[in-house]
Amino acid sequence: MRVPLEWLHDYVRPDLGLRKLAERLALTGTEVEGIHQHGVGALDGFVVGKVLSADQHPDADRLTVCMVDVGDGEPAQIVCGAPNVGAGQTVAV
């Protein structure tokens, strides 16, 4: 079962740190299979872009060729299979 850290903070000191908390939970017989961190650090390398144009791929029925502004000066050409992509959308790249 996955338990958010915020829930655990209702019962334990929030300043323990993840490793120390996992050790103490293990001492009580509670199995800690893994620690998954989410949030700002988990988004490193995450890029958001704006679709400038979306045209049918010339050689495929179910692909779209998109020009996407990802903020590095020159639009990136991205081929995708999303049927709902369109110009003006903000997308995860």
PDB file of N, CA and C in Angstrom:
ATOM      1  N   MET A   1       0.849  -1.174   0.000  1.00  0.00           N
ATOM      2  CA  MET A   1       0.000   0.000   0.000  1.00  0.00           C
ATOM      3  C   MET A   1       0.895   1.237   0.000  1.00  0.00           C
ATOM      4  N   ARG A   2       0.572   2.185  -0.805  1.00  0.00           N
ATOM      5  CA  ARG A   2       1.319   3.443  -0.846  1.00  0.00           C
ATOM      6  C   ARG A   2       0.691   4.426   0.137  1.00  0.00           C
ATOM      7  N   VAL A   3       1.559   5.066   0.907  1.00  0.00           N
ATOM      8  CA  VAL A   3       1.098   6.020   1.907  1.00  0.00           C
ATOM      9  C   VAL A   3       1.821   7.345   1.685  1.00  0.00           C
ATOM     10  N   PRO A   4       1.091   8.439   1.488  1.00  0.00           N
ATOM     11  CA  PRO A   4       1.747   9.736   1.322  1.00  0.00           C
ATOM     12  C   PRO A   4       2.473  10.155   2.599  1.00  0.00           C
ATOM     13  N   LEU A   5       3.596  10.789   2.435  1.00  0.00           N
ATOM     14  CA  LEU A   5       4.388  11.254   3.568  1.00  0.00           C
ATOM     15  C   LEU A   5       3.586  12.218   4.442  1.00  0.00           C
ATOM     16  N   GLU A   6       2.717  13.002   3.840  1.00  0.00           N
ATOM     17  CA  GLU A   6       1.898  13.941   4.605  1.00  0.00           C
ATOM     18  C   GLU A   6       1.016  13.208   5.615  1.00  0.00           C
ATOM     19  N   TRP A   7       0.528  12.033   5.264  1.00  0.00           N
ATOM     20  CA  TRP A   7      -0.270  11.240   6.199  1.00  0.00           C
ATOM     21  C   TRP A   7       0.585  10.788   7.370  1.00  0.00           C
ATOM     22  N   LEU A   8       1.794  10.345   7.079  1.00  0.00           N
ATOM     23  CA  LEU A   8       2.679   9.881   8.142  1.00  0.00           C
ATOM     24  C   LEU A   8       3.047  11.006   9.095  1.00  0.00           C
ATOM     25  N   HIS A   9       3.106  12.227   8.594  1.00  0.00           N
ATOM     26  CA  HIS A   9       3.459  13.364   9.446  1.00  0.00           C
ATOM     27  C   HIS A   9       2.408  13.637  10.516  1.00  0.00           C
ATOM     28  N   ASP A  10       1.216  13.062  10.373  1.00  0.00           N
ATOM     29  CA  ASP A  10       0.214  13.162  11.436  1.00  0.00           C
ATOM     30  C   ASP A  10       0.623  12.330  12.648  1.00  0.00           C
ATOM     31  N   TYR A  11       1.534  11.353  12.447  1.00  0.00           N
ATOM     32  CA  TYR A  11       1.890  10.413  13.510  1.00  0.00           C
ATOM     33  C   TYR A  11       3.367  10.444  13.897  1.00  0.00           C
ATOM     34  N   VAL A  12       4.213  10.983  13.050  1.00  0.00           N
ATOM     35  CA  VAL A  12       5.655  11.008  13.320  1.00  0.00           C
ATOM     36  C   VAL A  12       6.204  12.418  13.114  1.00  0.00           C
ATOM     37  N   ARG A  13       7.414  12.635  13.626  1.00  0.00           N
ATOM     38  CA  ARG A  13       8.060  13.945  13.466  1.00  0.00           C
ATOM     39  C   ARG A  13       8.445  14.161  12.003  1.00  0.00           C
ATOM     40  N   PRO A  14       8.056  15.294  11.415  1.00  0.00           N
ATOM     41  CA  PRO A  14       8.372  15.532   9.999  1.00  0.00           C
ATOM     42  C   PRO A  14       9.848  15.809   9.740  1.00  0.00           C
ATOM     43  N   ASP A  15      10.642  16.080  10.781  1.00  0.00           N
ATOM     44  CA  ASP A  15      12.052  16.405  10.581  1.00  0.00           C
ATOM     45  C   ASP A  15      12.961  15.176  10.592  1.00  0.00           C
ATOM     46  N   LEU A  16      12.403  13.984  10.618  1.00  0.00           N
ATOM     47  CA  LEU A  16      13.214  12.764  10.672  1.00  0.00           C
ATOM     48  C   LEU A  16      14.021  12.524   9.405  1.00  0.00           C
ATOM     49  N   GLY A  17      13.477  12.823   8.273  1.00  0.00           N
ATOM     50  CA  GLY A  17      14.116  12.477   7.004  1.00  0.00           C
ATOM     51  C   GLY A  17      13.598  11.127   6.532  1.00  0.00           C
ATOM     52  N   LEU A  18      13.614  10.917   5.233  1.00  0.00           N
ATOM     53  CA  LEU A  18      13.007   9.712   4.661  1.00  0.00           C
ATOM     54  C   LEU A  18      13.712   8.430   5.076  1.00  0.00           C
ATOM     55  N   ARG A  19      15.035   8.406   5.026  1.00  0.00           N
ATOM     56  CA  ARG A  19      15.783   7.189   5.367  1.00  0.00           C
ATOM     57  C   ARG A  19      15.588   6.810   6.836  1.00  0.00           C
ATOM     58  N   LYS A  20      15.683   7.798   7.718  1.00  0.00           N
ATOM     59  CA  LYS A  20      15.525   7.540   9.154  1.00  0.00           C
ATOM     60  C   LYS A  20      14.106   7.069   9.449  1.00  0.00           C
ATOM     61  N   LEU A  21      13.129   7.672   8.798  1.00  0.00           N
ATOM     62  CA  LEU A  21      11.739   7.264   8.976  1.00  0.00           C
ATOM     63  C   LEU A  21      11.539   5.825   8.519  1.00  0.00           C
ATOM     64  N   ALA A  22      12.115   5.465   7.374  1.00  0.00           N
ATOM     65  CA  ALA A  22      12.005   4.090   6.879  1.00  0.00           C
ATOM     66  C   ALA A  22      12.646   3.110   7.854  1.00  0.00           C
ATOM     67  N   GLU A  23      13.794   3.470   8.429  1.00  0.00           N
ATOM     68  CA  GLU A  23      14.455   2.602   9.415  1.00  0.00           C
ATOM     69  C   GLU A  23      13.578   2.404  10.644  1.00  0.00           C
ATOM     70  N   ARG A  24      12.992   3.481  11.129  1.00  0.00           N
ATOM     71  CA  ARG A  24      12.148   3.384  12.327  1.00  0.00           C
ATOM     72  C   ARG A  24      10.866   2.600  12.055  1.00  0.00           C
ATOM     73  N   LEU A  25      10.298   2.762  10.877  1.00  0.00           N
ATOM     74  CA  LEU A  25       9.115   1.968  10.531  1.00  0.00           C
ATOM     75  C   LEU A  25       9.465   0.491  10.465  1.00  0.00           C
ATOM     76  N   ALA A  26      10.642   0.174   9.924  1.00  0.00           N
ATOM     77  CA  ALA A  26      11.082  -1.220   9.852  1.00  0.00           C
ATOM     78  C   ALA A  26      11.251  -1.811  11.247  1.00  0.00           C
ATOM     79  N   LEU A  27      11.706  -1.024  12.208  1.00  0.00           N
ATOM     80  CA  LEU A  27      11.864  -1.500  13.587  1.00  0.00           C
ATOM     81  C   LEU A  27      10.529  -1.866  14.224  1.00  0.00           C
ATOM     82  N   THR A  28       9.435  -1.256  13.737  1.00  0.00           N
ATOM     83  CA  THR A  28       8.107  -1.566  14.276  1.00  0.00           C
ATOM     84  C   THR A  28       7.474  -2.764  13.577  1.00  0.00           C
ATOM     85  N   GLY A  29       8.171  -3.310  12.577  1.00  0.00           N
ATOM     86  CA  GLY A  29       7.628  -4.433  11.828  1.00  0.00           C
ATOM     87  C   GLY A  29       6.872  -4.012  10.580  1.00  0.00           C
ATOM     88  N   THR A  30       6.873  -2.731  10.294  1.00  0.00           N
ATOM     89  CA  THR A  30       6.208  -2.212   9.101  1.00  0.00           C
ATOM     90  C   THR A  30       7.182  -2.273   7.932  1.00  0.00           C
ATOM     91  N   GLU A  31       6.815  -2.999   6.904  1.00  0.00           N
ATOM     92  CA  GLU A  31       7.695  -3.159   5.748  1.00  0.00           C
ATOM     93  C   GLU A  31       7.672  -1.901   4.880  1.00  0.00           C
ATOM     94  N   VAL A  32       8.853  -1.412   4.546  1.00  0.00           N
ATOM     95  CA  VAL A  32       8.990  -0.288   3.618  1.00  0.00           C
ATOM     96  C   VAL A  32       9.635  -0.847   2.360  1.00  0.00           C
ATOM     97  N   GLU A  33       8.824  -1.027   1.333  1.00  0.00           N
ATOM     98  CA  GLU A  33       9.319  -1.623   0.090  1.00  0.00           C
ATOM     99  C   GLU A  33      10.115  -0.626  -0.737  1.00  0.00           C
ATOM    100  N   GLY A  34       9.749   0.629  -0.678  1.00  0.00           N
ATOM    101  CA  GLY A  34      10.459   1.633  -1.456  1.00  0.00           C
ATOM    102  C   GLY A  34      10.000   3.025  -1.094  1.00  0.00           C
ATOM    103  N   ILE A  35      10.809   3.987  -1.489  1.00  0.00           N
ATOM    104  CA  ILE A  35      10.482   5.392  -1.267  1.00  0.00           C
ATOM    105  C   ILE A  35      10.454   6.066  -2.634  1.00  0.00           C
ATOM    106  N   HIS A  36       9.328   6.639  -2.978  1.00  0.00           N
ATOM    107  CA  HIS A  36       9.169   7.313  -4.266  1.00  0.00           C
ATOM    108  C   HIS A  36       9.001   8.801  -4.002  1.00  0.00           C
ATOM    109  N   GLN A  37       9.920   9.601  -4.522  1.00  0.00           N
ATOM    110  CA  GLN A  37       9.840  11.042  -4.323  1.00  0.00           C
ATOM    111  C   GLN A  37       9.182  11.696  -5.531  1.00  0.00           C
ATOM    112  N   HIS A  38       8.229  12.561  -5.246  1.00  0.00           N
ATOM    113  CA  HIS A  38       7.534  13.319  -6.274  1.00  0.00           C
ATOM    114  C   HIS A  38       7.681  14.793  -5.946  1.00  0.00           C
ATOM    115  N   GLY A  39       7.409  15.638  -6.890  1.00  0.00           N
ATOM    116  CA  GLY A  39       7.466  17.068  -6.629  1.00  0.00           C
ATOM    117  C   GLY A  39       8.446  17.765  -7.536  1.00  0.00           C
ATOM    118  N   VAL A  40       8.953  18.879  -7.073  1.00  0.00           N
ATOM    119  CA  VAL A  40       9.809  19.727  -7.895  1.00  0.00           C
ATOM    120  C   VAL A  40      11.036  18.977  -8.379  1.00  0.00           C
ATOM    121  N   GLY A  41      11.703  18.242  -7.529  1.00  0.00           N
ATOM    122  CA  GLY A  41      12.889  17.496  -7.937  1.00  0.00           C
ATOM    123  C   GLY A  41      12.581  16.433  -8.973  1.00  0.00           C
ATOM    124  N   ALA A  42      11.368  15.898  -8.921  1.00  0.00           N
ATOM    125  CA  ALA A  42      10.978  14.855  -9.867  1.00  0.00           C
ATOM    126  C   ALA A  42      10.703  15.425 -11.255  1.00  0.00           C
ATOM    127  N   LEU A  43      10.615  16.726 -11.363  1.00  0.00           N
ATOM    128  CA  LEU A  43      10.295  17.347 -12.643  1.00  0.00           C
ATOM    129  C   LEU A  43      11.525  17.856 -13.385  1.00  0.00           C
ATOM    130  N   ASP A  44      12.711  17.541 -12.896  1.00  0.00           N
ATOM    131  CA  ASP A  44      13.926  17.939 -13.608  1.00  0.00           C
ATOM    132  C   ASP A  44      13.904  17.333 -15.004  1.00  0.00           C
ATOM    133  N   GLY A  45      14.148  18.133 -16.001  1.00  0.00           N
ATOM    134  CA  GLY A  45      14.133  17.658 -17.377  1.00  0.00           C
ATOM    135  C   GLY A  45      12.752  17.684 -18.020  1.00  0.00           C
ATOM    136  N   PHE A  46      11.737  18.051 -17.269  1.00  0.00           N
ATOM    137  CA  PHE A  46      10.377  18.131 -17.795  1.00  0.00           C
ATOM    138  C   PHE A  46      10.255  19.397 -18.630  1.00  0.00           C
ATOM    139  N   VAL A  47       9.759  19.272 -19.863  1.00  0.00           N
ATOM    140  CA  VAL A  47       9.666  20.410 -20.777  1.00  0.00           C
ATOM    141  C   VAL A  47       8.222  20.581 -21.231  1.00  0.00           C
ATOM    142  N   VAL A  48       7.765  21.820 -21.234  1.00  0.00           N
ATOM    143  CA  VAL A  48       6.430  22.153 -21.723  1.00  0.00           C
ATOM    144  C   VAL A  48       6.603  23.000 -22.978  1.00  0.00           C
ATOM    145  N   GLY A  49       5.803  22.712 -23.988  1.00  0.00           N
ATOM    146  CA  GLY A  49       5.896  23.464 -25.233  1.00  0.00           C
ATOM    147  C   GLY A  49       4.528  23.897 -25.728  1.00  0.00           C
ATOM    148  N   LYS A  50       4.536  24.836 -26.670  1.00  0.00           N
ATOM    149  CA  LYS A  50       3.288  25.298 -27.288  1.00  0.00           C
ATOM    150  C   LYS A  50       3.280  24.849 -28.737  1.00  0.00           C
ATOM    151  N   VAL A  51       2.211  24.162 -29.132  1.00  0.00           N
ATOM    152  CA  VAL A  51       2.079  23.659 -30.498  1.00  0.00           C
ATOM    153  C   VAL A  51       1.790  24.835 -31.425  1.00  0.00           C
ATOM    154  N   LEU A  52       2.698  25.054 -32.368  1.00  0.00           N
ATOM    155  CA  LEU A  52       2.539  26.142 -33.337  1.00  0.00           C
ATOM    156  C   LEU A  52       1.721  25.700 -34.536  1.00  0.00           C
ATOM    157  N   SER A  53       1.935  24.449 -34.967  1.00  0.00           N
ATOM    158  CA  SER A  53       1.159  23.899 -36.084  1.00  0.00           C
ATOM    159  C   SER A  53       1.086  22.389 -35.931  1.00  0.00           C
ATOM    160  N   ALA A  54       0.031  21.816 -36.475  1.00  0.00           N
ATOM    161  CA  ALA A  54      -0.162  20.368 -36.435  1.00  0.00           C
ATOM    162  C   ALA A  54      -0.726  19.936 -37.784  1.00  0.00           C
ATOM    163  N   ASP A  55       0.072  19.184 -38.550  1.00  0.00           N
ATOM    164  CA  ASP A  55      -0.324  18.749 -39.889  1.00  0.00           C
ATOM    165  C   ASP A  55      -0.258  17.231 -39.991  1.00  0.00           C
ATOM    166  N   GLN A  56      -1.098  16.683 -40.844  1.00  0.00           N
ATOM    167  CA  GLN A  56      -1.114  15.241 -41.085  1.00  0.00           C
ATOM    168  C   GLN A  56       0.247  14.787 -41.611  1.00  0.00           C
ATOM    169  N   HIS A  57       0.751  13.682 -41.103  1.00  0.00           N
ATOM    170  CA  HIS A  57       2.017  13.112 -41.580  1.00  0.00           C
ATOM    171  C   HIS A  57       1.815  12.652 -43.025  1.00  0.00           C
ATOM    172  N   PRO A  58       2.753  12.953 -43.926  1.00  0.00           N
ATOM    173  CA  PRO A  58       2.560  12.614 -45.341  1.00  0.00           C
ATOM    174  C   PRO A  58       2.567  11.114 -45.630  1.00  0.00           C
ATOM    175  N   ASP A  59       3.197  10.317 -44.777  1.00  0.00           N
ATOM    176  CA  ASP A  59       3.315   8.884 -45.051  1.00  0.00           C
ATOM    177  C   ASP A  59       2.580   7.997 -44.053  1.00  0.00           C
ATOM    178  N   ALA A  60       1.759   8.583 -43.195  1.00  0.00           N
ATOM    179  CA  ALA A  60       1.066   7.778 -42.185  1.00  0.00           C
ATOM    180  C   ALA A  60      -0.321   8.353 -41.925  1.00  0.00           C
ATOM    181  N   ASP A  61      -1.278   7.471 -41.732  1.00  0.00           N
ATOM    182  CA  ASP A  61      -2.655   7.899 -41.505  1.00  0.00           C
ATOM    183  C   ASP A  61      -2.893   8.388 -40.078  1.00  0.00           C
ATOM    184  N   ARG A  62      -2.180   7.817 -39.123  1.00  0.00           N
ATOM    185  CA  ARG A  62      -2.476   8.101 -37.720  1.00  0.00           C
ATOM    186  C   ARG A  62      -1.397   8.904 -37.003  1.00  0.00           C
ATOM    187  N   LEU A  63      -0.564   9.589 -37.732  1.00  0.00           N
ATOM    188  CA  LEU A  63       0.486  10.408 -37.132  1.00  0.00           C
ATOM    189  C   LEU A  63       0.311  11.872 -37.517  1.00  0.00           C
ATOM    190  N   THR A  64       0.760  12.742 -36.639  1.00  0.00           N
ATOM    191  CA  THR A  64       0.692  14.181 -36.863  1.00  0.00           C
ATOM    192  C   THR A  64       2.087  14.772 -36.720  1.00  0.00           C
ATOM    193  N   VAL A  65       2.452  15.653 -37.633  1.00  0.00           N
ATOM    194  CA  VAL A  65       3.734  16.359 -37.562  1.00  0.00           C
ATOM    195  C   VAL A  65       3.457  17.724 -36.941  1.00  0.00           C
ATOM    196  N   CYS A  66       4.066  17.966 -35.790  1.00  0.00           N
ATOM    197  CA  CYS A  66       3.834  19.211 -35.055  1.00  0.00           C
ATOM    198  C   CYS A  66       5.105  20.047 -35.000  1.00  0.00           C
ATOM    199  N   MET A  67       4.935  21.343 -35.101  1.00  0.00           N
ATOM    200  CA  MET A  67       6.017  22.278 -34.823  1.00  0.00           C
ATOM    201  C   MET A  67       5.709  22.837 -33.441  1.00  0.00           C
ATOM    202  N   VAL A  68       6.668  22.653 -32.514  1.00  0.00           N
ATOM    203  CA  VAL A  68       6.425  22.988 -31.114  1.00  0.00           C
ATOM    204  C   VAL A  68       7.491  23.955 -30.615  1.00  0.00           C
ATOM    205  N   ASP A  69       7.044  25.047 -30.008  1.00  0.00           N
ATOM    206  CA  ASP A  69       7.957  26.011 -29.387  1.00  0.00           C
ATOM    207  C   ASP A  69       8.253  25.515 -27.978  1.00  0.00           C
ATOM    208  N   VAL A  70       9.512  25.097 -27.750  1.00  0.00           N
ATOM    209  CA  VAL A  70       9.918  24.599 -26.438  1.00  0.00           C
ATOM    210  C   VAL A  70      10.797  25.604 -25.705  1.00  0.00           C
ATOM    211  N   GLY A  71      10.891  26.811 -26.234  1.00  0.00           N
ATOM    212  CA  GLY A  71      11.590  27.876 -25.550  1.00  0.00           C
ATOM    213  C   GLY A  71      13.076  27.977 -25.797  1.00  0.00           C
ATOM    214  N   ASP A  72      13.604  27.235 -26.761  1.00  0.00           N
ATOM    215  CA  ASP A  72      15.045  27.331 -27.022  1.00  0.00           C
ATOM    216  C   ASP A  72      15.358  28.095 -28.307  1.00  0.00           C
ATOM    217  N   GLY A  73      14.413  28.886 -28.781  1.00  0.00           N
ATOM    218  CA  GLY A  73      14.666  29.754 -29.926  1.00  0.00           C
ATOM    219  C   GLY A  73      14.165  29.230 -31.252  1.00  0.00           C
ATOM    220  N   GLU A  74      14.310  27.958 -31.509  1.00  0.00           N
ATOM    221  CA  GLU A  74      13.881  27.380 -32.785  1.00  0.00           C
ATOM    222  C   GLU A  74      12.834  26.302 -32.517  1.00  0.00           C
ATOM    223  N   PRO A  75      11.709  26.318 -33.239  1.00  0.00           N
ATOM    224  CA  PRO A  75      10.675  25.306 -33.015  1.00  0.00           C
ATOM    225  C   PRO A  75      11.193  23.892 -33.284  1.00  0.00           C
ATOM    226  N   ALA A  76      10.720  22.958 -32.477  1.00  0.00           N
ATOM    227  CA  ALA A  76      11.096  21.555 -32.642  1.00  0.00           C
ATOM    228  C   ALA A  76      10.019  20.850 -33.457  1.00  0.00           C
ATOM    229  N   GLN A  77      10.450  19.994 -34.378  1.00  0.00           N
ATOM    230  CA  GLN A  77       9.500  19.187 -35.142  1.00  0.00           C
ATOM    231  C   GLN A  77       9.309  17.884 -34.380  1.00  0.00           C
ATOM    232  N   ILE A  78       8.065  17.605 -34.005  1.00  0.00           N
ATOM    233  CA  ILE A  78       7.746  16.416 -33.222  1.00  0.00           C
ATOM    234  C   ILE A  78       6.637  15.661 -33.929  1.00  0.00           C
ATOM    235  N   VAL A  79       6.838  14.368 -34.112  1.00  0.00           N
ATOM    236  CA  VAL A  79       5.818  13.503 -34.703  1.00  0.00           C
ATOM    237  C   VAL A  79       5.135  12.769 -33.561  1.00  0.00           C
ATOM    238  N   CYS A  80       3.806  12.840 -33.527  1.00  0.00           N
ATOM    239  CA  CYS A  80       3.083  12.178 -32.439  1.00  0.00           C
ATOM    240  C   CYS A  80       1.862  11.446 -32.978  1.00  0.00           C
ATOM    241  N   GLY A  81       1.334  10.573 -32.161  1.00  0.00           N
ATOM    242  CA  GLY A  81       0.164   9.793 -32.537  1.00  0.00           C
ATOM    243  C   GLY A  81      -1.097  10.235 -31.823  1.00  0.00           C
ATOM    244  N   ALA A  82      -1.035  11.354 -31.119  1.00  0.00           N
ATOM    245  CA  ALA A  82      -2.209  11.839 -30.398  1.00  0.00           C
ATOM    246  C   ALA A  82      -3.246  12.370 -31.387  1.00  0.00           C
ATOM    247  N   PRO A  83      -4.457  11.831 -31.372  1.00  0.00           N
ATOM    248  CA  PRO A  83      -5.467  12.277 -32.332  1.00  0.00           C
ATOM    249  C   PRO A  83      -6.048  13.648 -31.993  1.00  0.00           C
ATOM    250  N   ASN A  84      -5.819  14.131 -30.774  1.00  0.00           N
ATOM    251  CA  ASN A  84      -6.443  15.380 -30.342  1.00  0.00           C
ATOM    252  C   ASN A  84      -5.481  16.562 -30.282  1.00  0.00           C
ATOM    253  N   VAL A  85      -4.282  16.443 -30.843  1.00  0.00           N
ATOM    254  CA  VAL A  85      -3.321  17.542 -30.792  1.00  0.00           C
ATOM    255  C   VAL A  85      -3.692  18.613 -31.811  1.00  0.00           C
ATOM    256  N   GLY A  86      -3.483  19.880 -31.429  1.00  0.00           N
ATOM    257  CA  GLY A  86      -3.821  20.968 -32.342  1.00  0.00           C
ATOM    258  C   GLY A  86      -3.015  22.216 -32.039  1.00  0.00           C
ATOM    259  N   ALA A  87      -2.950  23.110 -32.998  1.00  0.00           N
ATOM    260  CA  ALA A  87      -2.218  24.365 -32.835  1.00  0.00           C
ATOM    261  C   ALA A  87      -2.797  25.158 -31.671  1.00  0.00           C
ATOM    262  N   GLY A  88      -1.894  25.772 -30.903  1.00  0.00           N
ATOM    263  CA  GLY A  88      -2.307  26.588 -29.770  1.00  0.00           C
ATOM    264  C   GLY A  88      -2.313  25.860 -28.443  1.00  0.00           C
ATOM    265  N   GLN A  89      -2.220  24.549 -28.470  1.00  0.00           N
ATOM    266  CA  GLN A  89      -2.230  23.781 -27.225  1.00  0.00           C
ATOM    267  C   GLN A  89      -0.881  23.862 -26.517  1.00  0.00           C
ATOM    268  N   THR A  90      -0.915  23.760 -25.207  1.00  0.00           N
ATOM    269  CA  THR A  90       0.287  23.625 -24.404  1.00  0.00           C
ATOM    270  C   THR A  90       0.420  22.146 -24.072  1.00  0.00           C
ATOM    271  N   VAL A  91       1.599  21.577 -24.354  1.00  0.00           N
ATOM    272  CA  VAL A  91       1.776  20.131 -24.222  1.00  0.00           C
ATOM    273  C   VAL A  91       3.064  19.797 -23.475  1.00  0.00           C
ATOM    274  N   ALA A  92       3.086  18.620 -22.878  1.00  0.00           N
ATOM    275  CA  ALA A  92       4.319  18.088 -22.291  1.00  0.00           C
ATOM    276  C   ALA A  92       5.148  17.500 -23.417  1.00  0.00           C
ATOM    277  N   VAL A  93       6.436  17.821 -23.419  1.00  0.00           N
ATOM    278  CA  VAL A  93       7.323  17.350 -24.485  1.00  0.00           C
ATOM    279  C   VAL A  93       8.276  16.320 -23.915  1.00  0.00           C
TER     280      VAL A  93
END
